[in-house]
PDB file of all heavy atoms in Angstrom:
ATOM      1  N   ALA A   1      74.943  73.095 114.348  1.00  0.00           N
ATOM      2  CA  ALA A   1      75.657  71.928 114.838  1.00  0.00           C
ATOM      3  C   ALA A   1      76.358  71.179 113.725  1.00  0.00           C
ATOM      4  O   ALA A   1      77.276  70.362 114.007  1.00  0.00           O
ATOM      5  CB  ALA A   1      74.690  71.019 115.595  1.00  0.00           C
ATOM      6  N   ALA A   2      75.936  71.419 112.483  1.00  0.00           N
ATOM      7  CA  ALA A   2      76.517  70.715 111.397  1.00  0.00           C
ATOM      8  C   ALA A   2      77.927  71.216 111.020  1.00  0.00           C
ATOM      9  O   ALA A   2      78.653  70.532 110.308  1.00  0.00           O
ATOM     10  CB  ALA A   2      75.614  70.765 110.144  1.00  0.00           C
ATOM     11  N   LEU A   3      78.284  72.417 111.491  1.00  0.00           N
ATOM     12  CA  LEU A   3      79.634  72.983 111.198  1.00  0.00           C
ATOM     13  C   LEU A   3      80.628  72.450 112.152  1.00  0.00           C
ATOM     14  O   LEU A   3      80.403  72.624 113.430  1.00  0.00           O
ATOM     15  CB  LEU A   3      79.574  74.490 111.247  1.00  0.00           C
ATOM     16  CG  LEU A   3      80.888  75.185 110.930  1.00  0.00           C
ATOM     17  CD1 LEU A   3      81.204  74.970 109.462  1.00  0.00           C
ATOM     18  CD2 LEU A   3      80.774  76.687 111.201  1.00  0.00           C
ATOM     19  N   PRO A   4      81.651  71.778 111.769  1.00  0.00           N
ATOM     20  CA  PRO A   4      82.661  71.236 112.709  1.00  0.00           C
ATOM     21  C   PRO A   4      83.269  72.375 113.498  1.00  0.00           C
ATOM     22  O   PRO A   4      83.509  73.493 113.005  1.00  0.00           O
ATOM     23  CB  PRO A   4      83.663  70.636 111.754  1.00  0.00           C
ATOM     24  CG  PRO A   4      82.974  70.320 110.507  1.00  0.00           C
ATOM     25  CD  PRO A   4      81.927  71.391 110.392  1.00  0.00           C
ATOM     26  N   VAL A   5      83.477  72.091 114.753  1.00  0.00           N
ATOM     27  CA  VAL A   5      84.127  73.104 115.689  1.00  0.00           C
ATOM     28  C   VAL A   5      85.512  73.434 115.178  1.00  0.00           C
ATOM     29  O   VAL A   5      85.941  74.627 115.223  1.00  0.00           O
ATOM     30  CB  VAL A   5      84.157  72.537 117.081  1.00  0.00           C
ATOM     31  CG1 VAL A   5      84.939  73.488 118.026  1.00  0.00           C
ATOM     32  CG2 VAL A   5      82.775  72.300 117.635  1.00  0.00           C
ATOM     33  N   ALA A   6      86.231  72.426 114.657  1.00  0.00           N
ATOM     34  CA  ALA A   6      87.619  72.688 114.157  1.00  0.00           C
ATOM     35  C   ALA A   6      87.596  73.673 113.032  1.00  0.00           C
ATOM     36  O   ALA A   6      88.456  74.517 112.923  1.00  0.00           O
ATOM     37  CB  ALA A   6      88.217  71.327 113.801  1.00  0.00           C
ATOM     38  N   ALA A   7      86.600  73.562 112.138  1.00  0.00           N
ATOM     39  CA  ALA A   7      86.531  74.518 111.030  1.00  0.00           C
ATOM     40  C   ALA A   7      86.304  75.921 111.493  1.00  0.00           C
ATOM     41  O   ALA A   7      86.930  76.873 110.957  1.00  0.00           O
ATOM     42  CB  ALA A   7      85.433  74.065 110.048  1.00  0.00           C
ATOM     43  N   THR A   8      85.435  76.094 112.478  1.00  0.00           N
ATOM     44  CA  THR A   8      85.170  77.388 113.038  1.00  0.00           C
ATOM     45  C   THR A   8      86.473  77.959 113.671  1.00  0.00           C
ATOM     46  O   THR A   8      86.841  79.125 113.394  1.00  0.00           O
ATOM     47  CB  THR A   8      84.107  77.341 114.080  1.00  0.00           C
ATOM     48  OG1 THR A   8      82.914  76.804 113.468  1.00  0.00           O
ATOM     49  CG2 THR A   8      83.771  78.726 114.625  1.00  0.00           C
ATOM     50  N   TYR A   9      87.144  77.178 114.446  1.00  0.00           N
ATOM     51  CA  TYR A   9      88.332  77.664 115.093  1.00  0.00           C
ATOM     52  C   TYR A   9      89.437  77.996 114.001  1.00  0.00           C
ATOM     53  O   TYR A   9      90.226  78.932 114.166  1.00  0.00           O
ATOM     54  CB  TYR A   9      88.932  76.590 116.067  1.00  0.00           C
ATOM     55  CG  TYR A   9      88.133  76.517 117.386  1.00  0.00           C
ATOM     56  CD1 TYR A   9      88.120  75.365 118.152  1.00  0.00           C
ATOM     57  CD2 TYR A   9      87.449  77.622 117.833  1.00  0.00           C
ATOM     58  CE1 TYR A   9      87.426  75.307 119.307  1.00  0.00           C
ATOM     59  CE2 TYR A   9      86.740  77.583 119.038  1.00  0.00           C
ATOM     60  CZ  TYR A   9      86.736  76.393 119.746  1.00  0.00           C
ATOM     61  OH  TYR A   9      86.043  76.295 120.925  1.00  0.00           O
ATOM     62  N   PHE A  10      89.481  77.198 112.976  1.00  0.00           N
ATOM     63  CA  PHE A  10      90.426  77.462 111.918  1.00  0.00           C
ATOM     64  C   PHE A  10      90.144  78.808 111.209  1.00  0.00           C
ATOM     65  O   PHE A  10      91.105  79.553 111.016  1.00  0.00           O
ATOM     66  CB  PHE A  10      90.349  76.327 110.866  1.00  0.00           C
ATOM     67  CG  PHE A  10      91.234  76.574 109.670  1.00  0.00           C
ATOM     68  CD1 PHE A  10      92.630  76.471 109.721  1.00  0.00           C
ATOM     69  CD2 PHE A  10      90.690  77.039 108.475  1.00  0.00           C
ATOM     70  CE1 PHE A  10      93.406  76.702 108.608  1.00  0.00           C
ATOM     71  CE2 PHE A  10      91.486  77.348 107.404  1.00  0.00           C
ATOM     72  CZ  PHE A  10      92.821  77.157 107.435  1.00  0.00           C
ATOM     73  N   LEU A  11      88.906  79.065 110.935  1.00  0.00           N
ATOM     74  CA  LEU A  11      88.566  80.324 110.320  1.00  0.00           C
ATOM     75  C   LEU A  11      88.840  81.535 111.214  1.00  0.00           C
ATOM     76  O   LEU A  11      89.346  82.577 110.803  1.00  0.00           O
ATOM     77  CB  LEU A  11      87.084  80.334 109.899  1.00  0.00           C
ATOM     78  CG  LEU A  11      86.686  79.369 108.740  1.00  0.00           C
ATOM     79  CD1 LEU A  11      85.187  79.408 108.548  1.00  0.00           C
ATOM     80  CD2 LEU A  11      87.370  79.851 107.425  1.00  0.00           C
ATOM     81  N   VAL A  12      88.536  81.370 112.498  1.00  0.00           N
ATOM     82  CA  VAL A  12      88.794  82.462 113.496  1.00  0.00           C
ATOM     83  C   VAL A  12      90.351  82.710 113.540  1.00  0.00           C
ATOM     84  O   VAL A  12      90.789  83.811 113.552  1.00  0.00           O
ATOM     85  CB  VAL A  12      88.255  82.100 114.842  1.00  0.00           C
ATOM     86  CG1 VAL A  12      88.689  83.148 115.865  1.00  0.00           C
ATOM     87  CG2 VAL A  12      86.696  82.079 114.774  1.00  0.00           C
ATOM     88  N   ALA A  13      91.097  81.637 113.707  1.00  0.00           N
ATOM     89  CA  ALA A  13      92.595  81.777 113.784  1.00  0.00           C
ATOM     90  C   ALA A  13      93.136  82.393 112.482  1.00  0.00           C
ATOM     91  O   ALA A  13      94.033  83.186 112.536  1.00  0.00           O
ATOM     92  CB  ALA A  13      93.169  80.386 114.019  1.00  0.00           C
ATOM     93  N   SER A  14      92.575  81.960 111.376  1.00  0.00           N
ATOM     94  CA  SER A  14      93.057  82.557 110.139  1.00  0.00           C
ATOM     95  C   SER A  14      92.780  84.042 110.057  1.00  0.00           C
ATOM     96  O   SER A  14      93.617  84.861 109.622  1.00  0.00           O
ATOM     97  CB  SER A  14      92.335  81.860 108.934  1.00  0.00           C
ATOM     98  OG  SER A  14      92.631  80.472 108.905  1.00  0.00           O
ATOM     99  N   GLY A  15      91.580  84.440 110.484  1.00  0.00           N
ATOM    100  CA  GLY A  15      91.247  85.869 110.534  1.00  0.00           C
ATOM    101  C   GLY A  15      92.181  86.657 111.461  1.00  0.00           C
ATOM    102  O   GLY A  15      92.616  87.721 111.101  1.00  0.00           O
ATOM    103  N   LEU A  16      92.510  86.060 112.620  1.00  0.00           N
ATOM    104  CA  LEU A  16      93.397  86.768 113.543  1.00  0.00           C
ATOM    105  C   LEU A  16      94.818  86.898 112.995  1.00  0.00           C
ATOM    106  O   LEU A  16      95.360  87.962 113.007  1.00  0.00           O
ATOM    107  CB  LEU A  16      93.436  86.008 114.866  1.00  0.00           C
ATOM    108  CG  LEU A  16      92.113  86.023 115.705  1.00  0.00           C
ATOM    109  CD1 LEU A  16      92.266  85.159 116.966  1.00  0.00           C
ATOM    110  CD2 LEU A  16      91.791  87.487 116.139  1.00  0.00           C
ATOM    111  N   VAL A  17      95.328  85.784 112.440  1.00  0.00           N
ATOM    112  CA  VAL A  17      96.768  85.741 111.997  1.00  0.00           C
ATOM    113  C   VAL A  17      96.864  86.633 110.709  1.00  0.00           C
ATOM    114  O   VAL A  17      97.739  87.516 110.632  1.00  0.00           O
ATOM    115  CB  VAL A  17      97.198  84.347 111.722  1.00  0.00           C
ATOM    116  CG1 VAL A  17      98.603  84.310 111.095  1.00  0.00           C
ATOM    117  CG2 VAL A  17      97.211  83.526 113.037  1.00  0.00           C
ATOM    118  N   VAL A  18      96.000  86.349 109.725  1.00  0.00           N
ATOM    119  CA  VAL A  18      96.121  87.086 108.450  1.00  0.00           C
ATOM    120  C   VAL A  18      95.832  88.554 108.695  1.00  0.00           C
ATOM    121  O   VAL A  18      96.475  89.474 108.177  1.00  0.00           O
ATOM    122  CB  VAL A  18      95.201  86.494 107.407  1.00  0.00           C
ATOM    123  CG1 VAL A  18      95.238  87.312 106.120  1.00  0.00           C
ATOM    124  CG2 VAL A  18      95.597  85.081 107.106  1.00  0.00           C
ATOM    125  N   GLY A  19      94.835  88.846 109.575  1.00  0.00           N
ATOM    126  CA  GLY A  19      94.509  90.240 109.840  1.00  0.00           C
ATOM    127  C   GLY A  19      95.664  90.936 110.538  1.00  0.00           C
ATOM    128  O   GLY A  19      95.956  92.113 110.230  1.00  0.00           O
ATOM    129  N   LEU A  20      96.274  90.223 111.486  1.00  0.00           N
ATOM    130  CA  LEU A  20      97.428  90.846 112.173  1.00  0.00           C
ATOM    131  C   LEU A  20      98.597  91.116 111.214  1.00  0.00           C
ATOM    132  O   LEU A  20      99.177  92.245 111.234  1.00  0.00           O
ATOM    133  CB  LEU A  20      97.874  89.938 113.297  1.00  0.00           C
ATOM    134  CG  LEU A  20      99.169  90.400 114.060  1.00  0.00           C
ATOM    135  CD1 LEU A  20      98.853  91.720 114.763  1.00  0.00           C
ATOM    136  CD2 LEU A  20      99.589  89.283 115.055  1.00  0.00           C
ATOM    137  N   LEU A  21      98.891  90.105 110.377  1.00  0.00           N
ATOM    138  CA  LEU A  21      99.970  90.345 109.366  1.00  0.00           C
ATOM    139  C   LEU A  21      99.607  91.490 108.454  1.00  0.00           C
ATOM    140  O   LEU A  21     100.498  92.318 108.177  1.00  0.00           O
ATOM    141  CB  LEU A  21     100.170  89.065 108.580  1.00  0.00           C
ATOM    142  CG  LEU A  21     100.837  87.881 109.317  1.00  0.00           C
ATOM    143  CD1 LEU A  21     100.897  86.633 108.426  1.00  0.00           C
ATOM    144  CD2 LEU A  21     102.219  88.250 109.828  1.00  0.00           C
ATOM    145  N   GLY A  22      98.421  91.512 107.986  1.00  0.00           N
ATOM    146  CA  GLY A  22      98.056  92.617 107.109  1.00  0.00           C
ATOM    147  C   GLY A  22      98.146  93.985 107.740  1.00  0.00           C
ATOM    148  O   GLY A  22      98.640  94.941 107.166  1.00  0.00           O
ATOM    149  N   MET A  23      97.653  94.098 108.953  1.00  0.00           N
ATOM    150  CA  MET A  23      97.763  95.376 109.631  1.00  0.00           C
ATOM    151  C   MET A  23      99.191  95.730 109.950  1.00  0.00           C
ATOM    152  O   MET A  23      99.512  96.949 109.901  1.00  0.00           O
ATOM    153  CB  MET A  23      96.929  95.327 110.959  1.00  0.00           C
ATOM    154  CG  MET A  23      95.443  95.165 110.735  1.00  0.00           C
ATOM    155  SD  MET A  23      94.705  96.418 109.718  1.00  0.00           S
ATOM    156  CE  MET A  23      94.899  97.832 110.759  1.00  0.00           C
ATOM    157  N   VAL A  24     100.031  94.767 110.248  1.00  0.00           N
ATOM    158  CA  VAL A  24     101.439  95.061 110.449  1.00  0.00           C
ATOM    159  C   VAL A  24     102.083  95.671 109.262  1.00  0.00           C
ATOM    160  O   VAL A  24     102.785  96.664 109.307  1.00  0.00           O
ATOM    161  CB  VAL A  24     102.221  93.783 110.933  1.00  0.00           C
ATOM    162  CG1 VAL A  24     103.713  94.076 110.886  1.00  0.00           C
ATOM    163  CG2 VAL A  24     101.751  93.432 112.369  1.00  0.00           C
ATOM    164  N   PHE A  25     101.819  95.025 108.137  1.00  0.00           N
ATOM    165  CA  PHE A  25     102.490  95.516 106.884  1.00  0.00           C
ATOM    166  C   PHE A  25     101.882  96.882 106.453  1.00  0.00           C
ATOM    167  O   PHE A  25     102.570  97.758 105.981  1.00  0.00           O
ATOM    168  CB  PHE A  25     102.273  94.497 105.765  1.00  0.00           C
ATOM    169  CG  PHE A  25     103.234  93.393 105.789  1.00  0.00           C
ATOM    170  CD1 PHE A  25     102.812  92.093 106.124  1.00  0.00           C
ATOM    171  CD2 PHE A  25     104.567  93.562 105.516  1.00  0.00           C
ATOM    172  CE1 PHE A  25     103.718  91.026 106.166  1.00  0.00           C
ATOM    173  CE2 PHE A  25     105.472  92.496 105.573  1.00  0.00           C
ATOM    174  CZ  PHE A  25     105.068  91.197 105.936  1.00  0.00           C
ATOM    175  N   ALA A  26     100.510  97.050 106.695  1.00  0.00           N
ATOM    176  CA  ALA A  26      99.906  98.308 106.394  1.00  0.00           C
ATOM    177  C   ALA A  26     100.461  99.449 107.305  1.00  0.00           C
ATOM    178  O   ALA A  26     100.752 100.557 106.830  1.00  0.00           O
ATOM    179  CB  ALA A  26      98.410  98.221 106.579  1.00  0.00           C
ATOM    180  N   ALA A  27     100.641  99.086 108.580  1.00  0.00           N
ATOM    181  CA  ALA A  27     101.216 100.082 109.504  1.00  0.00           C
ATOM    182  C   ALA A  27     102.633 100.465 109.144  1.00  0.00           C
ATOM    183  O   ALA A  27     103.039 101.626 109.179  1.00  0.00           O
ATOM    184  CB  ALA A  27     101.132  99.569 110.942  1.00  0.00           C
ATOM    185  N   LYS A  28     103.427  99.427 108.781  1.00  0.00           N
ATOM    186  CA  LYS A  28     104.849  99.685 108.421  1.00  0.00           C
ATOM    187  C   LYS A  28     104.903 100.520 107.156  1.00  0.00           C
ATOM    188  O   LYS A  28     105.836 101.333 106.995  1.00  0.00           O
ATOM    189  CB  LYS A  28     105.577  98.338 108.209  1.00  0.00           C
ATOM    190  CG  LYS A  28     105.976  97.674 109.477  1.00  0.00           C
ATOM    191  CD  LYS A  28     106.751  96.414 109.199  1.00  0.00           C
ATOM    192  CE  LYS A  28     107.291  95.822 110.521  1.00  0.00           C
ATOM    193  NZ  LYS A  28     108.385  96.662 111.073  1.00  0.00           N
ATOM    194  N   SER A  29     103.961 100.286 106.199  1.00  0.00           N
ATOM    195  CA  SER A  29     103.981 101.039 104.970  1.00  0.00           C
ATOM    196  C   SER A  29     103.741 102.540 105.203  1.00  0.00           C
ATOM    197  O   SER A  29     104.094 103.380 104.366  1.00  0.00           O
ATOM    198  CB  SER A  29     102.975 100.515 103.990  1.00  0.00           C
ATOM    199  OG  SER A  29     101.668 100.783 104.444  1.00  0.00           O
ATOM    200  N   ILE A  30     103.166 102.848 106.359  1.00  0.00           N
ATOM    201  CA  ILE A  30     102.945 104.273 106.681  1.00  0.00           C
ATOM    202  C   ILE A  30     103.985 104.802 107.661  1.00  0.00           C
ATOM    203  O   ILE A  30     104.514 105.863 107.525  1.00  0.00           O
ATOM    204  CB  ILE A  30     101.545 104.435 107.323  1.00  0.00           C
ATOM    205  CG1 ILE A  30     100.472 104.031 106.319  1.00  0.00           C
ATOM    206  CG2 ILE A  30     101.299 105.860 107.805  1.00  0.00           C
ATOM    207  CD1 ILE A  30      99.026 103.955 106.892  1.00  0.00           C
ATOM    208  N   ALA A  31     104.289 103.977 108.683  1.00  0.00           N
ATOM    209  CA  ALA A  31     105.218 104.406 109.759  1.00  0.00           C
ATOM    210  C   ALA A  31     106.664 104.586 109.216  1.00  0.00           C
ATOM    211  O   ALA A  31     107.331 105.565 109.624  1.00  0.00           O
ATOM    212  CB  ALA A  31     105.212 103.379 110.889  1.00  0.00           C
ATOM    213  N   GLU A  32     107.121 103.681 108.388  1.00  0.00           N
ATOM    214  CA  GLU A  32     108.512 103.754 107.935  1.00  0.00           C
ATOM    215  C   GLU A  32     108.815 104.982 107.118  1.00  0.00           C
ATOM    216  O   GLU A  32     109.817 105.744 107.337  1.00  0.00           O
ATOM    217  CB  GLU A  32     108.922 102.481 107.241  1.00  0.00           C
ATOM    218  CG  GLU A  32     109.016 101.264 108.132  1.00  0.00           C
ATOM    219  CD  GLU A  32     109.393  99.990 107.419  1.00  0.00           C
ATOM    220  OE1 GLU A  32     109.319 100.071 106.156  1.00  0.00           O
ATOM    221  OE2 GLU A  32     109.687  99.031 108.089  1.00  0.00           O
ATOM    222  N   PRO A  33     107.985 105.315 106.145  1.00  0.00           N
ATOM    223  CA  PRO A  33     108.201 106.629 105.439  1.00  0.00           C
ATOM    224  C   PRO A  33     108.121 107.825 106.316  1.00  0.00           C
ATOM    225  O   PRO A  33     108.901 108.814 106.178  1.00  0.00           O
ATOM    226  CB  PRO A  33     107.146 106.645 104.309  1.00  0.00           C
ATOM    227  CG  PRO A  33     106.732 105.265 104.137  1.00  0.00           C
ATOM    228  CD  PRO A  33     106.921 104.547 105.486  1.00  0.00           C
ATOM    229  N   LEU A  34     107.135 107.810 107.284  1.00  0.00           N
ATOM    230  CA  LEU A  34     107.049 108.915 108.200  1.00  0.00           C
ATOM    231  C   LEU A  34     108.288 109.025 109.107  1.00  0.00           C
ATOM    232  O   LEU A  34     108.777 110.120 109.402  1.00  0.00           O
ATOM    233  CB  LEU A  34     105.794 108.816 109.096  1.00  0.00           C
ATOM    234  CG  LEU A  34     104.437 108.898 108.366  1.00  0.00           C
ATOM    235  CD1 LEU A  34     103.361 108.757 109.332  1.00  0.00           C
ATOM    236  CD2 LEU A  34     104.364 110.216 107.594  1.00  0.00           C
ATOM    237  N   ALA A  35     108.855 107.849 109.488  1.00  0.00           N
ATOM    238  CA  ALA A  35     110.086 107.905 110.257  1.00  0.00           C
ATOM    239  C   ALA A  35     111.227 108.510 109.405  1.00  0.00           C
ATOM    240  O   ALA A  35     112.071 109.286 110.002  1.00  0.00           O
ATOM    241  CB  ALA A  35     110.436 106.517 110.728  1.00  0.00           C
ATOM    242  N   GLY A  36     111.252 108.204 108.175  1.00  0.00           N
ATOM    243  CA  GLY A  36     112.308 108.798 107.291  1.00  0.00           C
ATOM    244  C   GLY A  36     112.144 110.251 107.205  1.00  0.00           C
ATOM    245  O   GLY A  36     113.141 111.026 107.250  1.00  0.00           O
ATOM    246  N   VAL A  37     110.945 110.790 107.117  1.00  0.00           N
ATOM    247  CA  VAL A  37     110.666 112.212 107.039  1.00  0.00           C
ATOM    248  C   VAL A  37     111.080 112.884 108.400  1.00  0.00           C
ATOM    249  O   VAL A  37     111.733 113.949 108.384  1.00  0.00           O
ATOM    250  CB  VAL A  37     109.235 112.496 106.717  1.00  0.00           C
ATOM    251  CG1 VAL A  37     108.911 113.999 106.812  1.00  0.00           C
ATOM    252  CG2 VAL A  37     108.893 111.992 105.274  1.00  0.00           C
ATOM    253  N   ARG A  38     110.746 112.162 109.505  1.00  0.00           N
ATOM    254  CA  ARG A  38     111.112 112.749 110.795  1.00  0.00           C
ATOM    255  C   ARG A  38     112.625 112.827 110.947  1.00  0.00           C
ATOM    256  O   ARG A  38     113.178 113.825 111.479  1.00  0.00           O
ATOM    257  CB  ARG A  38     110.542 111.851 111.910  1.00  0.00           C
ATOM    258  CG  ARG A  38     109.028 112.013 112.113  1.00  0.00           C
ATOM    259  CD  ARG A  38     108.534 111.139 113.214  1.00  0.00           C
ATOM    260  NE  ARG A  38     109.194 111.425 114.446  1.00  0.00           N
ATOM    261  CZ  ARG A  38     109.129 110.644 115.513  1.00  0.00           C
ATOM    262  NH1 ARG A  38     108.419 109.518 115.503  1.00  0.00           N
ATOM    263  NH2 ARG A  38     109.750 110.960 116.646  1.00  0.00           N
ATOM    264  N   ALA A  39     113.356 111.797 110.495  1.00  0.00           N
ATOM    265  CA  ALA A  39     114.790 111.790 110.529  1.00  0.00           C
ATOM    266  C   ALA A  39     115.377 112.923 109.687  1.00  0.00           C
ATOM    267  O   ALA A  39     116.316 113.619 110.064  1.00  0.00           O
ATOM    268  CB  ALA A  39     115.386 110.413 110.116  1.00  0.00           C
ATOM    269  N   GLY A  40     114.737 113.132 108.554  1.00  0.00           N
ATOM    270  CA  GLY A  40     115.198 114.243 107.619  1.00  0.00           C
ATOM    271  C   GLY A  40     114.961 115.563 108.314  1.00  0.00           C
ATOM    272  O   GLY A  40     115.819 116.482 108.223  1.00  0.00           O
ATOM    273  N   MET A  41     113.807 115.735 108.989  1.00  0.00           N
ATOM    274  CA  MET A  41     113.529 116.991 109.660  1.00  0.00           C
ATOM    275  C   MET A  41     114.577 117.252 110.810  1.00  0.00           C
ATOM    276  O   MET A  41     115.016 118.384 111.028  1.00  0.00           O
ATOM    277  CB  MET A  41     112.115 116.965 110.238  1.00  0.00           C
ATOM    278  CG  MET A  41     111.060 116.956 109.129  1.00  0.00           C
ATOM    279  SD  MET A  41     109.358 116.873 109.853  1.00  0.00           S
ATOM    280  CE  MET A  41     109.317 118.467 110.746  1.00  0.00           C
TER     281      MET A  41
END
């Protein structure tokens, strides 16, 4: 009960947003080179 609800929501939101951004960039770092290879093929 001592942990503010707002702080919990903030950490959860941060995890969702930062995790999403990180996964997007990680996926692009793999997908874009593969798309280049597919176009070359």
